[in-house]
Amino acid sequence: MLSKNTIAVWTIDQRLIESVSLHQKHLSLAELDHAKKYRFDKDRYTFIIGRGILRHLLGHYTKQHPSEINFKFGDQGKPFIDDNKAPYFNISHSGNILVMGFCMEHPLGVDVELIKSDFDLAELARQNFSEKEIKALNSLNKNEQDRAFYRCWTRKESFIKAIGSGLSFPLDAFSVCLDDDLTAEMLETKWEKAERHQWKLSSFIPADGYLAAVCVQDKNVKIVHRNWKEIDN
């Protein structure tokens, strides 16, 4: 069960999912039509697996059959359930890894990223990071910067998703730490200095070559990590 003051964070490696048809059968007609629009099989399977497992877990938490889950969608296409007995949830996908977070009391954000190095790190940081974060990134050795970039990116993205404002929220208005894989902290919230103390920010490594983060506005919440292979096997 999903206890109060707890976030359940699930990691799913889609390479280990053999029963795509099992998850597909729980999808709505609209979801099946959406899946058909993907050009590549991998993207279509990712959507089917992700939405099917999301339905399974929400069904477990709400004591409903997965196919009975009724999603509604916000202005930015973000799914939610209009039921005060259902948990808040958020999902993220990168490469072969999906991460899903669930919480009964608060909206939350999760983000996972496959670590890459084929991009202009300095330019992306300039566009998306605060001055404090850019300074911290530039203080590191070159061979440390790619990983530090993703620490910062996943933490900022999880916060943006938690507040539900999308990329319209000014990314330089808040700062996070980026000097360690697992030590995450909100360093600055420029609109209200004291608010940074209200946010719980946590990072984890869901698989080799990936970094992920979860964020919620409750410092006292407990985060419990689960892996889908515990159930699927």
C-alpha atoms as a PDB file:
ATOM      1  CA  MET A   1       0.000   0.000   0.000  1.00  0.00           C
ATOM      2  CA  LEU A   2       0.984   3.644  -0.435  1.00  0.00           C
ATOM      3  CA  SER A   3       1.421   4.992   3.067  1.00  0.00           C
ATOM      4  CA  LYS A   4       0.927   8.607   4.067  1.00  0.00           C
ATOM      5  CA  ASN A   5       4.023  10.806   4.017  1.00  0.00           C
ATOM      6  CA  THR A   6       5.602   8.398   1.514  1.00  0.00           C
ATOM      7  CA  ILE A   7       6.629   8.594  -2.108  1.00  0.00           C
ATOM      8  CA  ALA A   8       6.886   5.309  -3.970  1.00  0.00           C
ATOM      9  CA  VAL A   9       9.393   5.581  -6.809  1.00  0.00           C
ATOM     10  CA  TRP A  10       9.333   2.746  -9.335  1.00  0.00           C
ATOM     11  CA  THR A  11      12.083   1.973 -11.847  1.00  0.00           C
ATOM     12  CA  ILE A  12      11.243  -0.010 -14.977  1.00  0.00           C
ATOM     13  CA  ASP A  13      13.801  -1.302 -17.480  1.00  0.00           C
ATOM     14  CA  GLN A  14      11.750  -1.845 -20.621  1.00  0.00           C
ATOM     15  CA  ARG A  15      14.339  -4.268 -22.007  1.00  0.00           C
ATOM     16  CA  LEU A  16      13.190  -6.732 -19.347  1.00  0.00           C
ATOM     17  CA  ILE A  17       9.513  -6.472 -20.328  1.00  0.00           C
ATOM     18  CA  GLU A  18       8.518  -9.399 -22.508  1.00  0.00           C
ATOM     19  CA  SER A  19       4.749  -9.186 -22.108  1.00  0.00           C
ATOM     20  CA  VAL A  20       3.953  -6.070 -24.148  1.00  0.00           C
ATOM     21  CA  SER A  21       0.571  -7.537 -25.102  1.00  0.00           C
ATOM     22  CA  LEU A  22      -0.297  -7.961 -21.413  1.00  0.00           C
ATOM     23  CA  HIS A  23       0.058  -4.227 -20.851  1.00  0.00           C
ATOM     24  CA  GLN A  24      -1.543  -3.313 -24.154  1.00  0.00           C
ATOM     25  CA  LYS A  25      -4.814  -5.050 -23.320  1.00  0.00           C
ATOM     26  CA  HIS A  26      -5.476  -2.614 -20.447  1.00  0.00           C
ATOM     27  CA  LEU A  27      -5.156   0.508 -22.603  1.00  0.00           C
ATOM     28  CA  SER A  28      -8.143   2.562 -23.720  1.00  0.00           C
ATOM     29  CA  LEU A  29      -9.086   2.940 -27.376  1.00  0.00           C
ATOM     30  CA  ALA A  30      -7.681   6.476 -27.336  1.00  0.00           C
ATOM     31  CA  GLU A  31      -4.380   5.181 -25.956  1.00  0.00           C
ATOM     32  CA  LEU A  32      -4.221   2.434 -28.567  1.00  0.00           C
ATOM     33  CA  ASP A  33      -4.844   5.013 -31.301  1.00  0.00           C
ATOM     34  CA  HIS A  34      -2.108   7.185 -29.822  1.00  0.00           C
ATOM     35  CA  ALA A  35       0.318   4.254 -29.815  1.00  0.00           C
ATOM     36  CA  LYS A  36      -0.263   3.701 -33.526  1.00  0.00           C
ATOM     37  CA  LYS A  37       0.977   7.206 -34.294  1.00  0.00           C
ATOM     38  CA  TYR A  38       4.541   6.419 -33.279  1.00  0.00           C
ATOM     39  CA  ARG A  39       6.768   5.919 -36.288  1.00  0.00           C
ATOM     40  CA  PHE A  40       9.254   3.580 -34.613  1.00  0.00           C
ATOM     41  CA  ASP A  41       8.436   0.332 -32.827  1.00  0.00           C
ATOM     42  CA  LYS A  42      10.663   1.191 -29.864  1.00  0.00           C
ATOM     43  CA  ASP A  43       8.755   4.417 -29.184  1.00  0.00           C
ATOM     44  CA  ARG A  44       5.415   2.652 -29.560  1.00  0.00           C
ATOM     45  CA  TYR A  45       6.452  -0.121 -27.154  1.00  0.00           C
ATOM     46  CA  THR A  46       7.722   2.447 -24.666  1.00  0.00           C
ATOM     47  CA  PHE A  47       4.354   4.193 -24.642  1.00  0.00           C
ATOM     48  CA  ILE A  48       2.405   0.924 -24.315  1.00  0.00           C
ATOM     49  CA  ILE A  49       4.638  -0.422 -21.543  1.00  0.00           C
ATOM     50  CA  GLY A  50       4.703   2.886 -19.701  1.00  0.00           C
ATOM     51  CA  ARG A  51       0.967   3.489 -19.820  1.00  0.00           C
ATOM     52  CA  GLY A  52       0.184  -0.167 -19.071  1.00  0.00           C
ATOM     53  CA  ILE A  53       2.431  -0.294 -15.989  1.00  0.00           C
ATOM     54  CA  LEU A  54       1.119   3.103 -14.861  1.00  0.00           C
ATOM     55  CA  ARG A  55      -2.415   1.690 -15.054  1.00  0.00           C
ATOM     56  CA  HIS A  56      -1.342  -1.435 -13.164  1.00  0.00           C
ATOM     57  CA  LEU A  57       0.224   0.534 -10.297  1.00  0.00           C
ATOM     58  CA  LEU A  58      -2.614   3.057 -10.094  1.00  0.00           C
ATOM     59  CA  GLY A  59      -5.061   0.165 -10.091  1.00  0.00           C
ATOM     60  CA  HIS A  60      -3.157  -1.373  -7.210  1.00  0.00           C
ATOM     61  CA  TYR A  61      -3.138   1.859  -5.210  1.00  0.00           C
ATOM     62  CA  THR A  62      -6.812   2.649  -5.889  1.00  0.00           C
ATOM     63  CA  LYS A  63      -8.068  -0.975  -5.795  1.00  0.00           C
ATOM     64  CA  GLN A  64      -9.334  -0.859  -9.347  1.00  0.00           C
ATOM     65  CA  HIS A  65      -8.701  -2.997 -12.389  1.00  0.00           C
ATOM     66  CA  PRO A  66      -6.032  -1.365 -14.592  1.00  0.00           C
ATOM     67  CA  SER A  67      -8.458  -0.968 -17.501  1.00  0.00           C
ATOM     68  CA  GLU A  68     -10.891   0.945 -15.237  1.00  0.00           C
ATOM     69  CA  ILE A  69      -8.496   3.817 -14.595  1.00  0.00           C
ATOM     70  CA  ASN A  70      -9.970   6.971 -16.113  1.00  0.00           C
ATOM     71  CA  PHE A  71      -7.346   9.539 -17.035  1.00  0.00           C
ATOM     72  CA  LYS A  72      -7.993  13.218 -17.549  1.00  0.00           C
ATOM     73  CA  PHE A  73      -5.457  15.555 -19.081  1.00  0.00           C
ATOM     74  CA  GLY A  74      -4.221  18.996 -18.084  1.00  0.00           C
ATOM     75  CA  ASP A  75      -3.434  21.933 -20.344  1.00  0.00           C
ATOM     76  CA  GLN A  76       0.007  20.519 -21.154  1.00  0.00           C
ATOM     77  CA  GLY A  77      -1.306  17.004 -21.806  1.00  0.00           C
ATOM     78  CA  LYS A  78      -0.230  15.727 -18.384  1.00  0.00           C
ATOM     79  CA  PRO A  79      -2.473  12.835 -17.242  1.00  0.00           C
ATOM     80  CA  PHE A  80      -4.153  12.863 -13.839  1.00  0.00           C
ATOM     81  CA  ILE A  81      -7.015  11.155 -12.018  1.00  0.00           C
ATOM     82  CA  ASP A  82      -9.848  13.348 -10.736  1.00  0.00           C
ATOM     83  CA  ASP A  83     -10.387  11.382  -7.519  1.00  0.00           C
ATOM     84  CA  ASN A  84      -9.273  12.426  -4.039  1.00  0.00           C
ATOM     85  CA  LYS A  85      -8.621   8.777  -3.192  1.00  0.00           C
ATOM     86  CA  ALA A  86      -6.098   8.413  -6.000  1.00  0.00           C
ATOM     87  CA  PRO A  87      -2.437   9.333  -5.611  1.00  0.00           C
ATOM     88  CA  TYR A  88      -0.621  12.121  -7.378  1.00  0.00           C
ATOM     89  CA  PHE A  89       1.781  10.627  -9.901  1.00  0.00           C
ATOM     90  CA  ASN A  90       4.483  11.617 -12.327  1.00  0.00           C
ATOM     91  CA  ILE A  91       6.434   9.682 -14.950  1.00  0.00           C
ATOM     92  CA  SER A  92       9.653  10.116 -16.898  1.00  0.00           C
ATOM     93  CA  HIS A  93      11.435   8.125 -19.601  1.00  0.00           C
ATOM     94  CA  SER A  94      14.896   8.176 -21.142  1.00  0.00           C
ATOM     95  CA  GLY A  95      16.702   5.515 -23.131  1.00  0.00           C
ATOM     96  CA  ASN A  96      15.439   2.158 -21.841  1.00  0.00           C
ATOM     97  CA  ILE A  97      14.464   3.339 -18.366  1.00  0.00           C
ATOM     98  CA  LEU A  98      11.113   4.560 -17.086  1.00  0.00           C
ATOM     99  CA  VAL A  99      10.644   6.085 -13.638  1.00  0.00           C
ATOM    100  CA  MET A 100       7.263   6.595 -11.954  1.00  0.00           C
ATOM    101  CA  GLY A 101       6.548   8.346  -8.676  1.00  0.00           C
ATOM    102  CA  PHE A 102       3.374   8.190  -6.548  1.00  0.00           C
ATOM    103  CA  CYS A 103       2.341  10.211  -3.495  1.00  0.00           C
ATOM    104  CA  MET A 104      -1.015  10.521  -1.708  1.00  0.00           C
ATOM    105  CA  GLU A 105      -0.539  13.996  -0.182  1.00  0.00           C
ATOM    106  CA  HIS A 106       1.400  16.137  -2.649  1.00  0.00           C
ATOM    107  CA  PRO A 107       2.068  16.711  -6.340  1.00  0.00           C
ATOM    108  CA  LEU A 108       5.551  15.478  -7.210  1.00  0.00           C
ATOM    109  CA  GLY A 109       8.011  15.477 -10.059  1.00  0.00           C
ATOM    110  CA  VAL A 110      10.393  12.799 -11.297  1.00  0.00           C
ATOM    111  CA  ASP A 111      12.985  12.908 -14.038  1.00  0.00           C
ATOM    112  CA  VAL A 112      15.405  10.346 -15.471  1.00  0.00           C
ATOM    113  CA  GLU A 113      18.091  10.958 -18.063  1.00  0.00           C
ATOM    114  CA  LEU A 114      20.482   8.779 -20.026  1.00  0.00           C
ATOM    115  CA  ILE A 115      23.913  10.360 -19.629  1.00  0.00           C
ATOM    116  CA  LYS A 116      25.317  11.513 -22.974  1.00  0.00           C
ATOM    117  CA  SER A 117      28.255  13.664 -23.972  1.00  0.00           C
ATOM    118  CA  ASP A 118      27.407  14.567 -27.586  1.00  0.00           C
ATOM    119  CA  PHE A 119      26.039  18.041 -26.890  1.00  0.00           C
ATOM    120  CA  ASP A 120      27.164  21.604 -26.224  1.00  0.00           C
ATOM    121  CA  LEU A 121      27.232  21.466 -22.440  1.00  0.00           C
ATOM    122  CA  ALA A 122      28.152  25.113 -21.949  1.00  0.00           C
ATOM    123  CA  GLU A 123      25.366  26.403 -24.196  1.00  0.00           C
ATOM    124  CA  LEU A 124      22.661  24.240 -22.623  1.00  0.00           C
ATOM    125  CA  ALA A 125      23.800  25.247 -19.158  1.00  0.00           C
ATOM    126  CA  ARG A 126      23.718  28.911 -20.176  1.00  0.00           C
ATOM    127  CA  GLN A 127      20.141  28.526 -21.409  1.00  0.00           C
ATOM    128  CA  ASN A 128      18.781  26.481 -18.494  1.00  0.00           C
ATOM    129  CA  PHE A 129      20.872  26.939 -15.345  1.00  0.00           C
ATOM    130  CA  SER A 130      21.158  29.716 -12.795  1.00  0.00           C
ATOM    131  CA  GLU A 131      24.345  31.751 -12.339  1.00  0.00           C
ATOM    132  CA  LYS A 132      25.101  29.816  -9.171  1.00  0.00           C
ATOM    133  CA  GLU A 133      24.734  26.468 -10.989  1.00  0.00           C
ATOM    134  CA  ILE A 134      26.854  27.566 -13.948  1.00  0.00           C
ATOM    135  CA  LYS A 135      29.591  28.720 -11.597  1.00  0.00           C
ATOM    136  CA  ALA A 136      29.518  25.368  -9.776  1.00  0.00           C
ATOM    137  CA  LEU A 137      29.606  23.471 -13.071  1.00  0.00           C
ATOM    138  CA  ASN A 138      32.555  25.477 -14.399  1.00  0.00           C
ATOM    139  CA  SER A 139      34.506  24.904 -11.199  1.00  0.00           C
ATOM    140  CA  LEU A 140      34.673  21.158 -11.904  1.00  0.00           C
ATOM    141  CA  ASN A 141      37.213  19.307 -14.018  1.00  0.00           C
ATOM    142  CA  LYS A 142      36.162  18.774 -17.648  1.00  0.00           C
ATOM    143  CA  ASN A 143      35.839  15.012 -17.134  1.00  0.00           C
ATOM    144  CA  GLU A 144      33.356  15.608 -14.288  1.00  0.00           C
ATOM    145  CA  GLN A 145      31.145  18.138 -16.022  1.00  0.00           C
ATOM    146  CA  ASP A 146      28.936  15.828 -18.114  1.00  0.00           C
ATOM    147  CA  ARG A 147      27.726  13.918 -15.059  1.00  0.00           C
ATOM    148  CA  ALA A 148      27.361  17.110 -13.012  1.00  0.00           C
ATOM    149  CA  PHE A 149      25.288  18.614 -15.826  1.00  0.00           C
ATOM    150  CA  TYR A 150      22.814  15.731 -15.577  1.00  0.00           C
ATOM    151  CA  ARG A 151      22.688  15.951 -11.791  1.00  0.00           C
ATOM    152  CA  CYS A 152      21.594  19.544 -12.173  1.00  0.00           C
ATOM    153  CA  TRP A 153      19.273  18.878 -15.106  1.00  0.00           C
ATOM    154  CA  THR A 154      17.336  16.025 -13.473  1.00  0.00           C
ATOM    155  CA  ARG A 155      16.939  17.938 -10.208  1.00  0.00           C
ATOM    156  CA  LYS A 156      15.710  21.090 -11.927  1.00  0.00           C
ATOM    157  CA  GLU A 157      13.374  19.122 -14.181  1.00  0.00           C
ATOM    158  CA  SER A 158      11.865  17.205 -11.247  1.00  0.00           C
ATOM    159  CA  PHE A 159      11.181  20.524  -9.475  1.00  0.00           C
ATOM    160  CA  ILE A 160       9.568  22.053 -12.566  1.00  0.00           C
ATOM    161  CA  LYS A 161       7.343  18.988 -12.911  1.00  0.00           C
ATOM    162  CA  ALA A 162       6.432  19.086  -9.215  1.00  0.00           C
ATOM    163  CA  ILE A 163       5.167  22.662  -9.407  1.00  0.00           C
ATOM    164  CA  GLY A 164       3.366  21.903 -12.684  1.00  0.00           C
ATOM    165  CA  SER A 165       4.426  25.082 -14.492  1.00  0.00           C
ATOM    166  CA  GLY A 166       6.348  23.482 -17.314  1.00  0.00           C
ATOM    167  CA  LEU A 167       9.161  25.369 -19.005  1.00  0.00           C
ATOM    168  CA  SER A 168       7.287  28.654 -18.553  1.00  0.00           C
ATOM    169  CA  PHE A 169       8.811  28.814 -15.070  1.00  0.00           C
ATOM    170  CA  PRO A 170      12.099  30.793 -15.091  1.00  0.00           C
ATOM    171  CA  LEU A 171      14.859  28.200 -14.729  1.00  0.00           C
ATOM    172  CA  ASP A 172      17.328  30.704 -13.317  1.00  0.00           C
ATOM    173  CA  ALA A 173      14.969  31.574 -10.438  1.00  0.00           C
ATOM    174  CA  PHE A 174      16.117  28.607  -8.378  1.00  0.00           C
ATOM    175  CA  SER A 175      19.344  26.676  -7.826  1.00  0.00           C
ATOM    176  CA  VAL A 176      20.199  23.100  -6.898  1.00  0.00           C
ATOM    177  CA  CYS A 177      23.460  21.480  -5.863  1.00  0.00           C
ATOM    178  CA  LEU A 178      25.311  19.358  -8.426  1.00  0.00           C
ATOM    179  CA  ASP A 179      28.542  18.104  -6.842  1.00  0.00           C
ATOM    180  CA  ASP A 180      27.456  14.573  -5.880  1.00  0.00           C
ATOM    181  CA  ASP A 181      25.292  11.862  -7.485  1.00  0.00           C
ATOM    182  CA  LEU A 182      23.198  11.129  -4.402  1.00  0.00           C
ATOM    183  CA  THR A 183      23.350  14.308  -2.321  1.00  0.00           C
ATOM    184  CA  ALA A 184      20.621  16.600  -3.638  1.00  0.00           C
ATOM    185  CA  GLU A 185      19.521  19.904  -2.156  1.00  0.00           C
ATOM    186  CA  MET A 186      17.590  22.999  -3.135  1.00  0.00           C
ATOM    187  CA  LEU A 187      20.054  25.857  -2.648  1.00  0.00           C
ATOM    188  CA  GLU A 188      18.029  28.876  -3.658  1.00  0.00           C
ATOM    189  CA  THR A 189      14.470  29.991  -4.429  1.00  0.00           C
ATOM    190  CA  LYS A 190      14.763  33.628  -5.477  1.00  0.00           C
ATOM    191  CA  TRP A 191      11.034  34.472  -5.258  1.00  0.00           C
ATOM    192  CA  GLU A 192      10.955  33.515  -1.557  1.00  0.00           C
ATOM    193  CA  LYS A 193      14.239  32.822   0.210  1.00  0.00           C
ATOM    194  CA  ALA A 194      12.733  30.575   2.881  1.00  0.00           C
ATOM    195  CA  GLU A 195      10.869  28.338   0.428  1.00  0.00           C
ATOM    196  CA  ARG A 196      13.963  26.330  -0.457  1.00  0.00           C
ATOM    197  CA  HIS A 197      13.708  24.713   2.983  1.00  0.00           C
ATOM    198  CA  GLN A 198      10.245  23.335   2.136  1.00  0.00           C
ATOM    199  CA  TRP A 199      11.375  21.169  -0.765  1.00  0.00           C
ATOM    200  CA  LYS A 200      12.582  17.591  -0.578  1.00  0.00           C
ATOM    201  CA  LEU A 201      14.945  16.870  -3.449  1.00  0.00           C
ATOM    202  CA  SER A 202      16.417  13.396  -3.842  1.00  0.00           C
ATOM    203  CA  SER A 203      18.658  11.860  -6.506  1.00  0.00           C
ATOM    204  CA  PHE A 204      19.282   8.218  -7.349  1.00  0.00           C
ATOM    205  CA  ILE A 205      20.906   5.993  -9.958  1.00  0.00           C
ATOM    206  CA  PRO A 206      18.174   3.852 -11.578  1.00  0.00           C
ATOM    207  CA  ALA A 207      20.607   1.951 -13.833  1.00  0.00           C
ATOM    208  CA  ASP A 208      24.175   2.159 -15.083  1.00  0.00           C
ATOM    209  CA  GLY A 209      24.622   5.241 -17.237  1.00  0.00           C
ATOM    210  CA  TYR A 210      21.532   7.035 -15.910  1.00  0.00           C
ATOM    211  CA  LEU A 211      20.728   9.649 -13.296  1.00  0.00           C
ATOM    212  CA  ALA A 212      17.313  10.454 -11.837  1.00  0.00           C
ATOM    213  CA  ALA A 213      15.678  12.757  -9.303  1.00  0.00           C
ATOM    214  CA  VAL A 214      12.411  13.154  -7.416  1.00  0.00           C
ATOM    215  CA  CYS A 215      11.070  16.362  -5.886  1.00  0.00           C
ATOM    216  CA  VAL A 216       8.147  17.210  -3.574  1.00  0.00           C
ATOM    217  CA  GLN A 217       7.213  20.174  -1.372  1.00  0.00           C
ATOM    218  CA  ASP A 218       7.456  18.288   1.918  1.00  0.00           C
ATOM    219  CA  LYS A 219      10.768  17.847   3.693  1.00  0.00           C
ATOM    220  CA  ASN A 220       9.392  15.083   5.925  1.00  0.00           C
ATOM    221  CA  VAL A 221       8.204  12.718   3.219  1.00  0.00           C
ATOM    222  CA  LYS A 222       9.870   9.302   3.037  1.00  0.00           C
ATOM    223  CA  ILE A 223      11.012   8.001  -0.367  1.00  0.00           C
ATOM    224  CA  VAL A 224      10.744   4.260  -1.018  1.00  0.00           C
ATOM    225  CA  HIS A 225      12.377   2.813  -4.132  1.00  0.00           C
ATOM    226  CA  ARG A 226      10.881  -0.185  -5.909  1.00  0.00           C
ATOM    227  CA  ASN A 227      11.838  -2.021  -9.089  1.00  0.00           C
ATOM    228  CA  TRP A 228       9.245  -3.414 -11.481  1.00  0.00           C
ATOM    229  CA  LYS A 229      11.209  -6.644 -11.942  1.00  0.00           C
ATOM    230  CA  GLU A 230      10.219  -7.523  -8.345  1.00  0.00           C
ATOM    231  CA  ILE A 231       6.650  -7.930  -9.608  1.00  0.00           C
ATOM    232  CA  ASP A 232       7.206  -8.884 -13.237  1.00  0.00           C
ATOM    233  CA  ASN A 233       9.287 -11.891 -12.219  1.00  0.00           C
END
